Amino acid sequence: MTGNSTNVVFQKDMTTIEDLFLEGEPTVCRIQTKELRALMDEWIQKRQEFLKQK
């Protein structure tokens, strides 16, 4: 997946996220795909709770 300034490579065990437009070398973040999924699920849950309060 590629966006305006990011490149994301999802693999079974590891996900790599790159910020392509920071000055200097691209910033790279590697995270276990399982952990990334858990963080995304938590974010979605918290967002839903926040929207219910509005």
N, C-alpha and C. Protein backbone atom coordinates (compact mmCIF):
# COMPACT_ATOMS: atom_id res chain seq x y z
N MET A 1 0.85 -1.16 0.00
CA MET A 1 0.00 0.00 0.00
C MET A 1 0.90 1.23 0.00
N THR A 2 0.58 2.21 -0.85
CA THR A 2 1.37 3.43 -0.91
C THR A 2 0.44 4.62 -0.83
N GLY A 3 0.83 5.63 -0.06
CA GLY A 3 0.05 6.86 0.05
C GLY A 3 0.88 8.03 -0.44
N ASN A 4 0.46 9.24 -0.10
CA ASN A 4 1.18 10.43 -0.54
C ASN A 4 2.60 10.49 0.01
N SER A 5 2.79 10.06 1.23
CA SER A 5 4.12 10.15 1.82
C SER A 5 4.54 8.88 2.55
N THR A 6 3.76 7.83 2.40
CA THR A 6 4.09 6.59 3.12
C THR A 6 4.06 5.39 2.19
N ASN A 7 4.78 4.40 2.61
CA ASN A 7 4.79 3.11 1.94
C ASN A 7 4.63 2.07 3.04
N VAL A 8 3.64 1.17 2.90
CA VAL A 8 3.38 0.15 3.91
C VAL A 8 3.42 -1.21 3.24
N VAL A 9 4.21 -2.11 3.82
CA VAL A 9 4.30 -3.48 3.31
C VAL A 9 3.82 -4.41 4.41
N PHE A 10 2.67 -5.05 4.16
CA PHE A 10 2.11 -6.01 5.11
C PHE A 10 2.59 -7.40 4.73
N GLN A 11 3.18 -8.10 5.69
CA GLN A 11 3.55 -9.49 5.51
C GLN A 11 2.93 -10.27 6.66
N LYS A 12 2.93 -11.57 6.56
CA LYS A 12 2.26 -12.40 7.58
C LYS A 12 2.79 -12.11 8.98
N ASP A 13 4.10 -12.01 9.14
CA ASP A 13 4.68 -11.86 10.47
C ASP A 13 5.11 -10.43 10.80
N MET A 14 5.45 -9.63 9.79
CA MET A 14 6.03 -8.31 10.04
C MET A 14 5.45 -7.30 9.06
N THR A 15 5.20 -6.08 9.56
CA THR A 15 4.73 -4.98 8.72
C THR A 15 5.79 -3.89 8.77
N THR A 16 6.09 -3.31 7.62
CA THR A 16 7.07 -2.24 7.51
C THR A 16 6.36 -0.99 7.03
N ILE A 17 6.56 0.12 7.74
CA ILE A 17 5.96 1.40 7.39
C ILE A 17 7.10 2.39 7.18
N GLU A 18 7.11 3.07 6.03
CA GLU A 18 8.15 4.04 5.72
C GLU A 18 7.53 5.41 5.48
N ASP A 19 8.12 6.45 6.07
CA ASP A 19 7.77 7.83 5.76
C ASP A 19 8.79 8.28 4.71
N LEU A 20 8.33 8.55 3.50
CA LEU A 20 9.22 8.78 2.37
C LEU A 20 9.70 10.22 2.24
N PHE A 21 9.07 11.17 2.91
CA PHE A 21 9.38 12.56 2.64
C PHE A 21 9.98 13.33 3.81
N LEU A 22 10.42 12.66 4.85
CA LEU A 22 11.17 13.36 5.88
C LEU A 22 12.53 13.72 5.31
N GLU A 23 13.09 14.82 5.78
CA GLU A 23 14.41 15.19 5.29
C GLU A 23 15.43 14.13 5.70
N GLY A 24 16.36 13.88 4.82
CA GLY A 24 17.35 12.85 5.09
C GLY A 24 16.83 11.50 4.62
N GLU A 25 17.24 10.46 5.29
CA GLU A 25 16.83 9.12 4.92
C GLU A 25 15.39 8.85 5.34
N PRO A 26 14.69 8.01 4.60
CA PRO A 26 13.31 7.67 4.99
C PRO A 26 13.27 7.06 6.39
N THR A 27 12.22 7.39 7.13
CA THR A 27 12.02 6.81 8.45
C THR A 27 11.30 5.48 8.30
N VAL A 28 11.81 4.44 8.91
CA VAL A 28 11.25 3.11 8.78
C VAL A 28 10.82 2.60 10.15
N CYS A 29 9.61 2.07 10.21
CA CYS A 29 9.09 1.46 11.43
C CYS A 29 8.71 0.02 11.10
N ARG A 30 9.22 -0.92 11.87
CA ARG A 30 8.85 -2.33 11.69
C ARG A 30 8.13 -2.78 12.95
N ILE A 31 7.00 -3.45 12.74
CA ILE A 31 6.19 -3.92 13.87
C ILE A 31 5.61 -5.28 13.49
N GLN A 32 5.47 -6.14 14.47
CA GLN A 32 4.85 -7.43 14.19
C GLN A 32 3.41 -7.18 13.74
N THR A 33 3.01 -7.85 12.68
CA THR A 33 1.68 -7.65 12.12
C THR A 33 0.59 -7.94 13.15
N LYS A 34 0.80 -8.94 13.96
CA LYS A 34 -0.16 -9.30 15.01
C LYS A 34 -0.33 -8.14 16.01
N GLU A 35 0.79 -7.51 16.39
CA GLU A 35 0.74 -6.39 17.32
C GLU A 35 0.07 -5.17 16.68
N LEU A 36 0.38 -4.91 15.41
CA LEU A 36 -0.25 -3.80 14.70
C LEU A 36 -1.76 -3.99 14.64
N ARG A 37 -2.19 -5.21 14.35
CA ARG A 37 -3.63 -5.50 14.30
C ARG A 37 -4.29 -5.25 15.65
N ALA A 38 -3.64 -5.66 16.73
CA ALA A 38 -4.19 -5.44 18.07
C ALA A 38 -4.31 -3.94 18.37
N LEU A 39 -3.31 -3.17 17.99
CA LEU A 39 -3.36 -1.72 18.19
C LEU A 39 -4.48 -1.08 17.37
N MET A 40 -4.65 -1.53 16.14
CA MET A 40 -5.72 -1.00 15.29
C MET A 40 -7.09 -1.34 15.86
N ASP A 41 -7.25 -2.57 16.34
CA ASP A 41 -8.53 -2.97 16.94
C ASP A 41 -8.85 -2.12 18.17
N GLU A 42 -7.82 -1.87 19.00
CA GLU A 42 -8.01 -1.05 20.19
C GLU A 42 -8.38 0.38 19.79
N TRP A 43 -7.72 0.93 18.79
CA TRP A 43 -8.01 2.28 18.32
C TRP A 43 -9.45 2.38 17.83
N ILE A 44 -9.90 1.40 17.06
CA ILE A 44 -11.27 1.40 16.55
C ILE A 44 -12.27 1.36 17.70
N GLN A 45 -12.01 0.54 18.69
CA GLN A 45 -12.90 0.44 19.85
C GLN A 45 -12.96 1.77 20.60
N LYS A 46 -11.82 2.37 20.85
CA LYS A 46 -11.78 3.65 21.58
C LYS A 46 -12.45 4.75 20.76
N ARG A 47 -12.29 4.74 19.46
CA ARG A 47 -12.92 5.74 18.60
C ARG A 47 -14.44 5.61 18.67
N GLN A 48 -14.93 4.38 18.63
CA GLN A 48 -16.38 4.16 18.73
C GLN A 48 -16.91 4.66 20.07
N GLU A 49 -16.18 4.39 21.16
CA GLU A 49 -16.59 4.88 22.48
C GLU A 49 -16.61 6.40 22.50
N PHE A 50 -15.60 7.03 21.91
CA PHE A 50 -15.53 8.48 21.85
C PHE A 50 -16.72 9.06 21.08
N LEU A 51 -17.04 8.47 19.94
CA LEU A 51 -18.13 8.98 19.11
C LEU A 51 -19.49 8.82 19.79
N LYS A 52 -19.65 7.80 20.60
CA LYS A 52 -20.91 7.61 21.34
C LYS A 52 -21.11 8.72 22.37
N GLN A 53 -20.03 9.26 22.89
CA GLN A 53 -20.12 10.30 23.92
C GLN A 53 -20.46 11.67 23.34
N LYS A 54 -20.31 11.84 22.05
CA LYS A 54 -20.59 13.15 21.43
C LYS A 54 -22.06 13.39 21.28
